[in-house]
Amino acid sequence: MIGKFIALYKARNDLSLAKRLASEMIVDGVVERVGAPLIIAKFWMFVGILALTVLILPFLTLGTFTHWTLAIPTLLLGSGIFGIIRLWRGINAGVGHVTELAKTELGNRAATLKISTAVPKRRQTILNKA
């Protein structure tokens, strides 16, 4: 966080740094807005993992104390947990990939912007009146 403040301070004189920071801020803001539904989805995936784990324990106990064939449903439930974890990691990878592409594209577009260093007319009239 302190690094971002230092970068913002340095950007007052460095136009390319200012453009890069602007593109990163825009992309990060959009990702934060999309983040709320992702947090809700990840919460329910966590609840699913927890529920499947709770369901696995009785089958393992039953299979341990009686016959091993009664523990076979744990394979199905365990594959459900595996699938949820794969989905979770895929979502994280997708968000990271999209964020990186958006930052790159926006950075390229920001680099082509021409920013004038002229004083705005309103400010000129204020300066001329003084």
Protein backbone atom coordinates (compact mmCIF):
# COMPACT_ATOMS: atom_id res chain seq x y z
CA MET A 1 0.00 0.00 0.00
CA ILE A 2 2.83 2.37 0.82
CA GLY A 3 4.41 1.41 -2.48
CA LYS A 4 1.30 2.60 -4.33
CA PHE A 5 1.45 5.96 -2.53
CA ILE A 6 5.11 6.36 -3.46
CA ALA A 7 4.31 5.45 -7.07
CA LEU A 8 1.51 8.03 -7.12
CA TYR A 9 3.90 10.66 -5.80
CA LYS A 10 6.48 9.79 -8.49
CA ALA A 11 3.76 9.82 -11.17
CA ARG A 12 3.31 13.58 -10.81
CA ASN A 13 6.43 14.07 -12.95
CA ASP A 14 6.51 10.79 -14.92
CA LEU A 15 3.80 10.61 -17.58
CA SER A 16 4.35 6.95 -18.50
CA LEU A 17 4.15 5.91 -14.84
CA ALA A 18 0.97 7.95 -14.44
CA LYS A 19 -0.62 6.23 -17.44
CA ARG A 20 0.33 2.78 -16.14
CA LEU A 21 -1.02 3.53 -12.66
CA ALA A 22 -4.26 4.86 -14.12
CA SER A 23 -4.81 1.70 -16.15
CA GLU A 24 -4.05 -0.50 -13.13
CA MET A 25 -6.44 1.49 -10.92
CA ILE A 26 -9.26 1.17 -13.46
CA VAL A 27 -8.79 -2.58 -13.86
CA ASP A 28 -8.47 -3.17 -10.11
CA GLY A 29 -11.67 -1.19 -9.50
CA VAL A 30 -13.59 -3.28 -12.01
CA VAL A 31 -12.23 -6.53 -10.55
CA GLU A 32 -13.32 -5.40 -7.06
CA ARG A 33 -16.87 -4.86 -8.33
CA VAL A 34 -16.94 -8.33 -9.86
CA GLY A 35 -15.35 -9.72 -6.69
CA ALA A 36 -18.54 -9.67 -4.59
CA PRO A 37 -20.35 -12.38 -6.58
CA LEU A 38 -17.13 -14.39 -6.66
CA ILE A 39 -16.85 -14.18 -2.87
CA ILE A 40 -20.42 -15.45 -2.54
CA ALA A 41 -19.72 -18.31 -4.94
CA LYS A 42 -16.54 -19.23 -3.08
CA PHE A 43 -18.42 -19.18 0.21
CA TRP A 44 -20.91 -21.72 -1.14
CA MET A 45 -18.08 -23.83 -2.54
CA PHE A 46 -16.53 -23.83 0.93
CA VAL A 47 -19.87 -24.90 2.42
CA GLY A 48 -20.03 -27.70 -0.17
CA ILE A 49 -16.54 -28.91 0.70
CA LEU A 50 -17.39 -28.84 4.38
CA ALA A 51 -20.67 -30.74 3.84
CA LEU A 52 -18.98 -33.39 1.70
CA THR A 53 -16.27 -33.82 4.32
CA VAL A 54 -18.90 -34.31 7.00
CA LEU A 55 -20.61 -36.91 4.79
CA ILE A 56 -17.35 -38.75 4.15
CA LEU A 57 -16.59 -39.32 7.83
CA PRO A 58 -19.53 -41.67 8.60
CA PHE A 59 -18.86 -43.78 5.52
CA LEU A 60 -15.18 -44.12 6.43
CA THR A 61 -16.09 -45.03 10.00
CA LEU A 62 -18.69 -47.54 8.83
CA GLY A 63 -16.25 -49.06 6.36
CA THR A 64 -13.50 -49.25 8.94
CA PHE A 65 -15.57 -51.02 11.59
CA THR A 66 -17.56 -53.33 9.31
CA HIS A 67 -16.60 -54.15 5.73
CA TRP A 68 -14.49 -52.02 3.38
CA THR A 69 -17.15 -52.04 0.62
CA LEU A 70 -19.31 -49.77 2.77
CA ALA A 71 -16.62 -47.09 2.41
CA ILE A 72 -16.92 -46.98 -1.41
CA PRO A 73 -19.26 -43.91 -1.41
CA THR A 74 -16.35 -41.90 -0.03
CA LEU A 75 -14.78 -42.08 -3.49
CA LEU A 76 -17.76 -40.30 -5.02
CA LEU A 77 -17.90 -37.71 -2.26
CA GLY A 78 -14.13 -37.21 -2.41
CA SER A 79 -14.32 -36.65 -6.16
CA GLY A 80 -16.94 -33.98 -5.47
CA ILE A 81 -14.48 -32.20 -3.20
CA PHE A 82 -11.79 -32.56 -5.85
CA GLY A 83 -14.12 -31.05 -8.46
CA ILE A 84 -14.97 -28.09 -6.26
CA ILE A 85 -11.28 -27.42 -5.58
CA ARG A 86 -10.51 -27.59 -9.32
CA LEU A 87 -13.36 -25.14 -10.00
CA TRP A 88 -12.08 -22.80 -7.28
CA ARG A 89 -8.53 -22.83 -8.67
CA GLY A 90 -9.87 -22.33 -12.19
CA ILE A 91 -11.83 -19.28 -11.13
CA ASN A 92 -8.75 -17.81 -9.43
CA ALA A 93 -6.62 -18.48 -12.51
CA GLY A 94 -9.28 -17.00 -14.81
CA VAL A 95 -9.58 -13.82 -12.76
CA GLY A 96 -5.80 -13.43 -12.72
CA HIS A 97 -5.56 -14.01 -16.47
CA VAL A 98 -8.36 -11.58 -17.33
CA THR A 99 -6.92 -8.96 -14.97
CA GLU A 100 -3.50 -9.24 -16.54
CA LEU A 101 -4.90 -9.00 -20.08
CA ALA A 102 -7.04 -6.00 -19.16
CA LYS A 103 -4.09 -4.22 -17.54
CA THR A 104 -1.94 -4.87 -20.57
CA GLU A 105 -4.57 -3.70 -23.06
CA LEU A 106 -5.51 -0.64 -21.05
CA GLY A 107 -1.84 0.14 -20.50
CA ASN A 108 -1.23 0.00 -24.25
CA ARG A 109 -4.17 2.32 -24.90
CA ALA A 110 -3.08 4.69 -22.16
CA ALA A 111 0.41 4.83 -23.62
CA THR A 112 -1.00 6.16 -26.89
CA LEU A 113 -2.87 9.00 -25.18
CA LYS A 114 -1.62 12.50 -25.78
CA ILE A 115 -1.93 14.68 -22.71
CA SER A 116 -1.44 18.39 -23.22
CA THR A 117 0.58 20.29 -20.70
CA ALA A 118 -1.10 23.58 -21.53
CA VAL A 119 -2.87 25.48 -18.78
CA PRO A 120 -6.68 25.22 -19.09
CA LYS A 121 -8.49 28.41 -20.26
CA ARG A 122 -10.34 28.83 -16.98
CA ARG A 123 -7.08 28.79 -15.08
CA GLN A 124 -5.54 31.26 -17.56
CA THR A 125 -8.35 33.76 -17.00
CA ILE A 126 -7.93 33.44 -13.24
CA LEU A 127 -4.18 34.01 -13.59
CA ASN A 128 -4.70 36.99 -15.95
CA LYS A 129 -7.12 38.69 -13.50
CA ALA A 130 -4.57 38.58 -10.70
